[in-house]
Protein backbone atom coordinates (compact mmCIF):
# COMPACT_ATOMS: atom_id res chain seq x y z
CA MET A 1 60.28 138.87 63.70
CA ALA A 2 63.92 138.34 64.57
CA HIS A 3 66.02 141.48 64.58
CA GLU A 4 68.99 139.75 62.92
CA LEU A 5 69.30 139.12 59.20
CA LEU A 6 71.00 136.17 57.50
CA PHE A 7 73.57 136.49 54.72
CA LEU A 8 75.06 133.47 52.94
CA ASP A 9 78.41 133.75 51.18
CA ASN A 10 78.17 132.09 47.77
CA ASN A 11 80.95 129.61 48.55
CA PHE A 12 78.80 128.30 51.43
CA TYR A 13 75.48 128.54 49.57
CA ARG A 14 76.71 126.48 46.63
CA ARG A 15 78.10 123.72 48.83
CA LEU A 16 74.95 123.72 50.95
CA CYS A 17 72.57 123.32 48.03
CA THR A 18 74.32 121.20 45.44
CA SER A 19 75.56 118.03 47.16
CA LYS A 20 74.04 115.11 45.25
CA ASP A 21 72.79 113.35 48.38
CA GLY A 22 71.82 116.44 50.39
CA SER A 23 74.42 115.59 53.03
CA THR A 24 75.87 119.11 53.28
CA PHE A 25 72.50 120.54 54.29
CA GLN A 26 72.12 117.85 56.94
CA ASN A 27 75.67 118.48 58.17
CA TRP A 28 74.88 122.16 58.58
CA VAL A 29 71.71 121.55 60.58
CA ILE A 30 73.44 118.98 62.81
CA SER A 31 76.34 121.35 63.53
CA LEU A 32 73.91 124.15 64.45
CA ASN A 33 72.06 121.83 66.80
CA LYS A 34 75.30 121.10 68.63
CA ASN A 35 75.63 124.76 69.63
CA GLU A 36 72.76 126.03 71.78
CA GLN A 37 73.40 129.68 70.88
CA LEU A 38 73.35 128.97 67.14
CA ARG A 39 70.39 126.59 67.40
CA LYS A 40 68.27 129.26 69.06
CA LEU A 41 69.55 132.05 66.86
CA ILE A 42 69.22 130.35 63.47
CA LEU A 43 67.06 127.23 63.68
CA GLU A 44 64.48 128.52 66.15
CA ASN A 45 64.28 132.04 64.73
CA SER A 46 62.53 133.14 61.58
CA LEU A 47 65.52 135.00 60.22
CA GLU A 48 64.98 137.26 57.24
CA PRO A 49 67.41 136.68 54.40
CA TYR A 50 69.64 139.51 53.24
CA ILE A 51 71.15 139.31 49.79
CA THR A 52 73.22 141.89 47.99
CA PRO A 53 73.01 142.61 44.25
CA PHE A 54 76.50 141.15 43.81
CA ALA A 55 75.49 138.02 45.72
CA ILE A 56 72.58 137.52 43.32
CA LEU A 57 74.86 137.84 40.29
CA GLU A 58 77.43 135.50 41.81
CA GLY A 59 74.74 133.03 42.88
CA LEU A 60 73.48 132.93 39.30
CA GLY A 61 76.98 132.58 37.89
CA ILE A 62 76.79 135.88 36.01
CA THR A 63 79.93 137.90 35.31
CA VAL A 64 79.26 141.45 34.14
CA PRO A 65 81.85 143.02 31.81
CA TYR A 66 82.85 146.56 32.77
CA PRO A 67 83.00 149.38 30.22
CA GLU A 68 86.01 151.52 29.35
CA ILE A 69 84.73 155.03 29.89
CA LYS A 70 86.98 157.82 28.65
CA LEU A 71 86.69 161.36 29.91
CA PRO A 72 86.14 164.13 27.38
CA GLN A 73 89.11 166.46 27.05
CA HIS A 74 87.46 169.43 28.78
CA LEU A 75 87.03 167.41 31.99
CA LYS A 76 90.55 166.04 32.23
CA GLN A 77 92.37 168.96 33.82
CA GLY A 78 92.29 170.36 37.33
CA ALA A 79 90.97 169.31 40.72
CA HIS A 80 88.04 171.69 40.26
CA ASN A 81 86.64 169.23 37.73
CA ALA A 82 86.47 166.39 40.26
CA VAL A 83 82.70 166.42 40.74
CA ASN A 84 82.10 166.94 37.02
CA GLN A 85 84.34 163.98 36.22
CA PHE A 86 82.52 161.87 38.77
CA SER A 87 79.09 162.86 37.43
CA PHE A 88 80.14 162.06 33.88
CA VAL A 89 81.58 158.64 34.75
CA ASP A 90 78.61 157.78 36.96
CA GLY A 91 76.12 158.74 34.25
CA GLU A 92 77.93 156.81 31.53
CA ALA A 93 78.28 153.75 33.77
CA LYS A 94 74.57 153.74 34.59
CA LYS A 95 73.66 153.99 30.91
CA TYR A 96 76.02 151.13 30.06
CA PHE A 97 74.78 148.76 32.76
CA ALA A 98 71.14 149.62 31.99
CA SER A 99 71.73 148.55 28.38
CA LEU A 100 72.97 145.04 29.21
CA ASP A 101 70.57 142.23 28.34
CA THR A 102 72.25 140.01 30.93
CA LEU A 103 70.80 142.21 33.71
CA LYS A 104 67.23 142.05 32.40
CA ILE A 105 64.91 140.36 34.88
CA GLU A 106 63.83 137.70 32.38
CA ASN A 107 67.45 136.65 31.84
CA LEU A 108 68.08 136.52 35.58
CA GLN A 109 65.02 134.36 36.11
CA GLN A 110 66.07 132.01 33.31
CA ARG A 111 69.51 131.62 34.88
CA PHE A 112 67.81 130.83 38.19
CA LEU A 113 65.79 128.03 36.60
CA GLU A 114 68.95 126.59 35.08
CA GLN A 115 70.82 126.78 38.40
CA SER A 116 67.87 125.34 40.32
CA GLU A 117 68.22 121.99 38.55
CA TYR A 118 71.37 121.36 40.59
CA THR A 119 69.81 122.19 43.96
CA HIS A 120 69.06 119.19 46.17
CA GLN A 121 65.44 118.91 47.28
CA SER A 122 66.39 119.28 50.94
CA ALA A 123 67.86 122.72 50.24
CA LYS A 124 65.02 124.13 48.13
CA ALA A 125 63.83 126.31 51.01
CA ILE A 126 67.31 127.85 51.26
CA GLU A 127 67.31 128.43 47.52
CA ARG A 128 63.97 130.23 47.73
CA MET A 129 65.21 132.34 50.61
CA HIS A 130 68.57 133.15 49.09
CA LEU A 131 67.79 133.72 45.42
CA MET A 132 64.16 133.36 44.45
CA ASN A 133 62.90 136.01 46.86
CA GLY A 134 65.56 138.43 45.66
CA LEU A 135 64.56 137.88 42.04
CA GLN A 136 60.97 138.81 42.89
CA ASP A 137 62.04 142.28 43.94
CA THR A 138 60.59 144.60 41.30
CA ASN A 139 63.37 147.10 42.02
CA LEU A 140 66.14 144.55 41.42
CA PRO A 141 67.27 145.85 37.99
CA ASN A 142 67.73 149.34 39.46
CA LYS A 143 69.62 147.92 42.45
CA LEU A 144 71.93 145.99 40.12
CA ILE A 145 72.62 149.05 37.97
CA THR A 146 73.21 151.22 41.03
CA SER A 147 75.53 148.73 42.74
CA LEU A 148 77.57 148.08 39.59
CA SER A 149 77.87 151.82 38.94
CA PHE A 150 78.91 152.41 42.54
CA ASP A 151 81.64 149.80 42.21
CA TYR A 152 82.76 151.24 38.89
CA VAL A 153 83.00 154.90 39.95
CA THR A 154 84.92 154.03 43.12
CA LYS A 155 87.48 152.03 41.12
CA TYR A 156 87.77 154.49 38.25
CA GLN A 157 91.29 155.81 37.62
CA TYR A 158 90.80 159.51 38.25
CA SER A 159 93.82 161.76 38.41
CA ARG A 160 95.47 162.18 41.82
CA GLU A 161 94.09 165.72 42.14
CA CYS A 162 90.55 164.61 41.36
CA ARG A 163 90.69 161.63 43.71
CA LYS A 164 91.72 163.99 46.50
CA GLY A 165 88.79 166.25 45.67
CA LEU A 166 86.35 163.34 45.50
CA ARG A 167 87.56 161.99 48.82
CA ALA A 168 86.74 165.30 50.50
CA LEU A 169 83.49 165.96 48.65
CA ILE A 170 81.95 162.50 48.16
CA PHE A 171 83.84 159.34 49.12
CA VAL A 172 84.41 159.86 52.84
CA HIS A 173 80.77 160.94 53.24
CA TRP A 174 79.57 157.76 51.53
CA LEU A 175 81.15 155.73 54.32
CA PHE A 176 78.74 157.14 56.88
CA LEU A 177 75.63 157.68 54.74
CA GLN A 178 72.58 156.21 56.45
CA ASN A 179 70.62 154.87 53.52
CA SER A 180 69.02 151.44 53.14
CA LEU A 181 70.44 150.84 49.65
CA MET A 182 73.88 152.41 50.16
CA SER A 183 74.39 150.62 53.46
CA GLY A 184 74.42 147.32 51.58
CA PHE A 185 77.27 148.34 49.25
CA SER A 186 80.66 147.18 50.46
CA LYS A 187 82.95 150.11 51.25
CA TYR A 188 85.93 147.79 51.81
CA ARG A 189 87.78 148.58 48.61
CA LEU A 190 86.75 152.23 48.84
CA THR A 191 88.34 152.61 52.28
CA LYS A 192 91.48 150.85 51.04
CA ALA A 193 91.77 153.10 47.96
CA MET A 194 91.08 156.24 50.00
CA TRP A 195 93.74 155.25 52.50
CA GLU A 196 96.40 154.56 49.88
CA ASP A 197 95.79 157.92 48.20
CA ALA A 198 95.79 159.78 51.51
CA TYR A 199 98.93 158.05 52.78
CA GLU A 200 100.80 159.06 49.63
CA GLU A 201 99.82 162.67 50.34
CA MET A 202 100.96 162.30 53.96
CA GLN A 203 104.40 161.27 52.74
CA GLN A 204 104.65 164.47 50.74
CA ASP A 205 103.17 166.70 53.45
CA PRO A 206 103.84 165.38 56.98
CA SER A 207 101.68 168.14 58.47
CA VAL A 208 98.53 166.27 57.36
CA LYS A 209 99.69 162.91 58.70
CA ILE A 210 97.21 161.24 61.03
CA GLU A 211 98.06 159.29 64.17
CA LYS A 212 99.57 155.82 63.62
CA ALA A 213 99.54 156.30 59.84
CA ASP A 214 102.75 154.30 59.33
CA GLU A 215 101.50 151.39 61.44
CA ILE A 216 98.22 151.26 59.52
CA HIS A 217 100.01 151.33 56.19
CA LYS A 218 102.25 148.44 57.17
CA LEU A 219 99.16 146.34 57.80
CA MET A 220 97.97 147.07 54.27
CA LYS A 221 101.07 145.34 52.92
CA LEU A 222 100.46 142.02 54.63
CA LYS A 223 99.91 139.06 52.32
CA LEU A 224 96.49 138.22 53.74
CA HIS A 225 95.14 141.58 52.66
CA LYS A 226 96.09 141.01 49.02
CA ASP A 227 93.80 138.03 48.67
CA LEU A 228 90.58 140.02 48.40
CA LEU A 229 87.79 138.36 46.47
CA ASP A 230 84.34 139.13 47.88
CA THR A 231 84.16 141.84 50.53
CA ASP A 232 80.37 142.08 50.85
CA LEU A 233 80.43 139.71 53.80
CA ILE A 234 83.02 141.72 55.76
CA HIS A 235 81.15 144.96 55.18
CA LEU A 236 77.80 143.54 56.26
CA ALA A 237 79.24 141.83 59.33
CA VAL A 238 80.81 145.09 60.51
CA HIS A 239 78.24 147.58 59.26
CA GLY A 240 74.92 145.82 59.60
CA TYR A 241 71.86 146.88 57.61
CA PHE A 242 70.28 150.31 58.00
CA ASN A 243 66.50 150.07 57.65
CA ASN A 244 65.73 153.81 57.84
CA GLU A 245 65.44 153.63 61.63
CA ALA A 246 68.42 151.73 63.01
CA TYR A 247 71.09 149.23 62.10
CA ARG A 248 70.26 145.52 62.23
CA LYS A 249 72.84 142.83 62.88
CA ILE A 250 73.63 140.39 60.10
CA ILE A 251 74.69 136.80 60.66
CA CYS A 252 77.09 135.90 57.86
CA ILE A 253 78.04 132.36 56.89
CA THR A 254 81.09 131.50 54.80
CA CYS A 255 83.54 128.71 53.99
CA ASP A 256 86.47 131.14 53.76
CA ASP A 257 89.53 130.74 55.95
CA TYR A 258 89.09 131.87 59.56
CA GLU A 259 92.37 133.80 59.84
CA THR A 260 91.78 135.61 56.56
CA ILE A 261 88.26 136.64 57.56
CA LEU A 262 89.39 137.74 61.01
CA PHE A 263 92.17 139.87 59.51
CA ARG A 264 89.76 141.50 57.07
CA VAL A 265 87.34 142.39 59.84
CA ARG A 266 90.13 143.96 61.89
CA ILE A 267 91.62 145.90 58.97
CA TYR A 268 88.17 147.15 57.91
CA LYS A 269 87.51 148.50 61.40
CA THR A 270 90.97 150.08 61.39
CA LEU A 271 90.40 151.71 57.99
CA TYR A 272 86.98 153.05 58.97
CA ASN A 273 88.48 154.77 62.01
CA ALA A 274 91.35 156.09 59.90
CA CYS A 275 88.95 157.48 57.29
CA LEU A 276 87.00 159.20 60.06
CA SER A 277 90.15 161.21 60.70
CA PHE A 278 89.88 162.71 57.22
CA VAL A 279 87.07 165.01 58.47
CA ARG A 280 88.67 165.81 61.81
CA GLU A 281 89.08 169.48 60.87
CA SER A 282 85.28 169.87 60.92
CA ASP A 283 84.11 169.27 64.49
CA ASP A 284 80.42 169.01 63.57
CA ILE A 285 80.96 166.47 60.78
CA TYR A 286 83.50 164.49 62.82
CA SER A 287 81.10 164.25 65.76
CA LYS A 288 78.22 163.25 63.50
CA TYR A 289 80.19 160.53 61.71
CA GLU A 290 81.70 159.21 64.92
CA THR A 291 78.14 158.79 66.20
CA VAL A 292 77.15 156.92 63.04
CA LEU A 293 80.21 154.67 63.34
CA ASN A 294 79.23 153.81 66.91
CA GLN A 295 75.73 152.88 65.71
CA PHE A 296 76.92 150.17 63.34
CA ALA A 297 75.47 146.78 64.29
CA ASN A 298 78.39 144.34 64.43
CA GLY A 299 77.12 140.84 63.72
CA LEU A 300 78.43 137.28 63.73
CA ILE A 301 80.43 135.35 61.16
CA LEU A 302 80.07 131.57 61.07
CA ILE A 303 83.03 129.79 59.49
CA CYS A 304 82.14 126.42 57.94
CA ASN A 305 84.24 123.65 56.46
CA ASN A 306 83.65 122.27 52.97
CA ASN A 307 81.02 119.92 54.40
CA CYS A 308 79.06 122.98 55.63
CA GLU A 309 79.68 122.18 59.28
CA VAL A 310 80.17 125.21 61.54
CA ILE A 311 83.69 125.01 62.90
CA GLN A 312 84.44 128.55 64.16
CA LEU A 313 82.61 131.70 65.13
CA ILE A 314 83.69 135.35 64.97
CA ASN A 315 81.83 137.80 67.19
CA VAL A 316 82.47 141.01 65.26
CA GLU A 317 81.50 143.24 68.20
CA GLN A 318 84.28 141.68 70.26
CA THR A 319 86.80 141.90 67.43
CA ASN A 320 88.84 145.10 67.58
CA GLY A 321 90.68 146.91 64.89
CA PHE A 322 94.46 147.15 65.01
CA SER A 323 95.65 149.71 67.54
C-alpha cells in the first residue's frame, strides 16, 4: 500500500471525467507518463483516494443552504458566555443539517446516478474512486453533518469578546488536534478569521503584538488572497491526513492557477505559525503544538491545464511561508 493519498479538486475531476470523447483522461495519463517521478508515484502506485465531505457535495453538485441561528437573550452578553454560545450554535447547527433531506444517503446516491450519466467510460474507474467509494461509507451522513457544522460555527458572527474567548479555549486548539476526522477539515478560513480578530486586538494593545504582525497583515490584503473558493486542497496539501498514528502525504490535483495556489500555500503556512504564537505564554502547550506542526506531512500539488495535462508541480515541503 502506498503511503500517499490522492485528492482530486472538483474542477479537475469534472474535466477529467466528462469530455465527450474521453480525451482529457488520455491527456492526463500521457502527461503523467512524460514525468518519471509522477509516473511512478501515481500510475505505478495503488494510491488510496481521499475525499472530503465538501468534495463529495461539490462533486454531486449539491449546495447546502445555511441556517440563521439566533442566540437566546441570556447568552448574548459577556465573554464568560463564549463556550455556552458556541455549544448552543453547534447544537442547533447539527440539528438543522441532520434534518435536511438533501443530505440523506438515498438522495446522495440518486444524485450520483444522475451525474454518472455524463462520465466517459474511460474515466469510470476514477469516478468509482472519487465518489462511489465515498458514498459507500456508512458514516458519511455523520461526516457531512459534522463538517457542515464545523464550517458554520467557525464562521458564526460571535461578539468580539466571545470570539476572543473561543480563540483561547477552542479555535487555536482545533488547529493542532490530531484526529482523523478533524484533520480533514480545512482550517484555512479559521486561521484567517483568528488572525484578523487577533490583529485588531494588537492594534489596541501593542503589548500583545507578535513578531512581524504588521508584515503578516499586509499579506492578508493582497488581491490573490481575496479570491478564496475551495480551501480543502490547500489544507490537505499542507496538513496531510492523520490516521491515528502519523500524518500521510496527500497528492492534490487541481486546474486552479499556479500563482494563486502557491500564494495560498505560503500564506497558510504563515498563518499557522502566527496562530502558534497565540499559545506562546504556555510553554508546555507551545512545545506540544510546535511538535505537531512539525509532524504535518506536506504533499504535492499538481497543476493541470483545462485539458487535464500536468503543467506545473508544487512541492509543499519545499515551499516556505512568508518570513
